[in-house]
Amino acid sequence: MKSARNHQAYWAFLGHRLSGLALALFLPAHFYVLAMALDEARLDGFLKLAEMPAMKVGEWGLVLLLTLHMFFGLRLLALELLPWNSPRDARVAWIGWGFAISMATGLVFIAGAI
């Protein structure tokens, strides 16, 4: 019998939950930086920091998390709302395409940031 943790649907579930958690942890920091826009000197200091290569990699990670979360969420909606001959049809289609499109989006973003 195949372990549930080795199943494709488990990895899609885990990717969706972990990317959602990481995005939820990022949001307070994002709102703090947006609040810096009220003080021009603090914002200028942060924008200089944002030009560092490590921050560019972090931005790439954010884009990757957003696209992974979106496509795994669309996979869940498709499983719940669309008529399928079998649930496996939806799992295979959305896991592969969602991951591939997420990686492609991340690569396009990082290529533009460098």
Protein backbone atom coordinates (compact mmCIF):
# COMPACT_ATOMS: atom_id res chain seq x y z
CA MET A 1 0.00 0.00 0.00
CA LYS A 2 1.30 3.42 -0.96
CA SER A 3 1.93 5.88 1.89
CA ALA A 4 -0.30 8.95 1.92
CA ARG A 5 2.76 11.19 2.30
CA ASN A 6 4.21 9.89 -0.96
CA HIS A 7 1.06 10.78 -2.89
CA GLN A 8 1.04 13.75 -5.29
CA ALA A 9 -2.04 15.22 -3.66
CA TYR A 10 -0.26 15.32 -0.30
CA TRP A 11 2.61 17.34 -1.75
CA ALA A 12 0.16 19.74 -3.41
CA PHE A 13 -1.65 20.13 -0.09
CA LEU A 14 1.63 20.71 1.73
CA GLY A 15 2.83 23.23 -0.88
CA HIS A 16 -0.44 25.14 -0.66
CA ARG A 17 -0.44 25.26 3.14
CA LEU A 18 3.24 26.16 3.54
CA SER A 19 3.15 28.86 0.86
CA GLY A 20 0.02 30.32 2.50
CA LEU A 21 1.73 30.32 5.90
CA ALA A 22 4.85 31.99 4.50
CA LEU A 23 2.73 34.65 2.78
CA ALA A 24 0.80 35.28 6.01
CA LEU A 25 4.09 35.79 7.85
CA PHE A 26 5.31 38.16 5.13
CA LEU A 27 2.26 40.44 5.15
CA PRO A 28 2.99 42.31 8.42
CA ALA A 29 6.50 43.15 7.17
CA HIS A 30 5.04 44.31 3.87
CA PHE A 31 2.54 46.59 5.60
CA TYR A 32 5.33 48.00 7.78
CA VAL A 33 7.34 48.92 4.68
CA LEU A 34 4.25 50.51 3.12
CA ALA A 35 3.85 52.59 6.27
CA MET A 36 7.43 53.82 5.76
CA ALA A 37 6.23 55.67 2.68
CA LEU A 38 4.82 58.28 5.05
CA ASP A 39 8.39 59.21 6.08
CA GLU A 40 10.47 59.88 2.97
CA ALA A 41 13.88 59.50 4.66
CA ARG A 42 13.06 56.06 6.10
CA LEU A 43 11.62 54.91 2.78
CA ASP A 44 14.74 56.02 0.90
CA GLY A 45 16.90 54.05 3.32
CA PHE A 46 14.79 50.96 2.81
CA LEU A 47 14.81 51.33 -0.96
CA LYS A 48 18.63 51.33 -0.90
CA LEU A 49 18.48 48.10 1.08
CA ALA A 50 16.01 46.66 -1.44
CA GLU A 51 18.59 46.99 -4.23
CA MET A 52 20.85 44.40 -2.61
CA PRO A 53 21.11 41.00 -4.39
CA ALA A 54 19.85 39.14 -1.31
CA MET A 55 16.65 41.21 -1.37
CA LYS A 56 16.20 40.42 -5.08
CA VAL A 57 16.37 36.72 -4.25
CA GLY A 58 13.80 37.32 -1.50
CA GLU A 59 11.50 39.05 -3.97
CA TRP A 60 11.91 36.09 -6.31
CA GLY A 61 10.93 33.79 -3.44
CA LEU A 62 7.85 35.90 -2.81
CA VAL A 63 6.77 35.68 -6.45
CA LEU A 64 7.34 31.93 -6.38
CA LEU A 65 5.29 31.55 -3.19
CA LEU A 66 2.45 33.62 -4.67
CA THR A 67 2.27 31.59 -7.87
CA LEU A 68 2.56 28.26 -6.05
CA HIS A 69 -0.20 29.25 -3.66
CA MET A 70 -2.40 30.46 -6.51
CA PHE A 71 -2.03 27.36 -8.67
CA PHE A 72 -2.41 24.89 -5.81
CA GLY A 73 -5.50 26.84 -4.73
CA LEU A 74 -6.87 26.64 -8.28
CA ARG A 75 -6.20 22.89 -8.15
CA LEU A 76 -8.35 22.62 -5.03
CA LEU A 77 -11.15 24.61 -6.65
CA ALA A 78 -10.99 22.41 -9.74
CA LEU A 79 -11.18 19.27 -7.62
CA GLU A 80 -14.20 20.55 -5.75
CA LEU A 81 -16.16 22.31 -8.47
CA LEU A 82 -15.43 20.71 -11.85
CA PRO A 83 -16.84 17.39 -13.01
CA TRP A 84 -14.05 14.81 -13.39
CA ASN A 85 -14.14 11.20 -14.48
CA SER A 86 -11.88 10.47 -11.55
CA PRO A 87 -10.19 12.69 -8.97
CA ARG A 88 -6.81 11.48 -10.23
CA ASP A 89 -7.34 13.33 -13.53
CA ALA A 90 -7.48 16.66 -11.70
CA ARG A 91 -4.60 15.90 -9.33
CA VAL A 92 -2.19 15.02 -12.10
CA ALA A 93 -3.15 17.93 -14.36
CA TRP A 94 -3.05 20.70 -11.75
CA ILE A 95 0.02 19.55 -9.85
CA GLY A 96 2.26 19.37 -12.90
CA TRP A 97 1.02 22.48 -14.66
CA GLY A 98 0.77 24.54 -11.50
CA PHE A 99 4.33 23.76 -10.48
CA ALA A 100 5.69 24.32 -14.01
CA ILE A 101 3.95 27.68 -14.44
CA SER A 102 5.06 28.78 -10.96
CA MET A 103 8.68 27.97 -11.76
CA ALA A 104 8.48 29.71 -15.15
CA THR A 105 7.01 32.83 -13.53
CA GLY A 106 9.76 32.81 -10.93
CA LEU A 107 12.47 32.45 -13.57
CA VAL A 108 11.05 35.33 -15.61
CA PHE A 109 10.95 37.49 -12.49
CA ILE A 110 14.49 36.69 -11.36
CA ALA A 111 15.83 37.24 -14.90
CA GLY A 112 14.26 40.70 -14.92
CA ALA A 113 15.57 41.50 -11.43
CA ILE A 114 19.20 40.68 -12.22
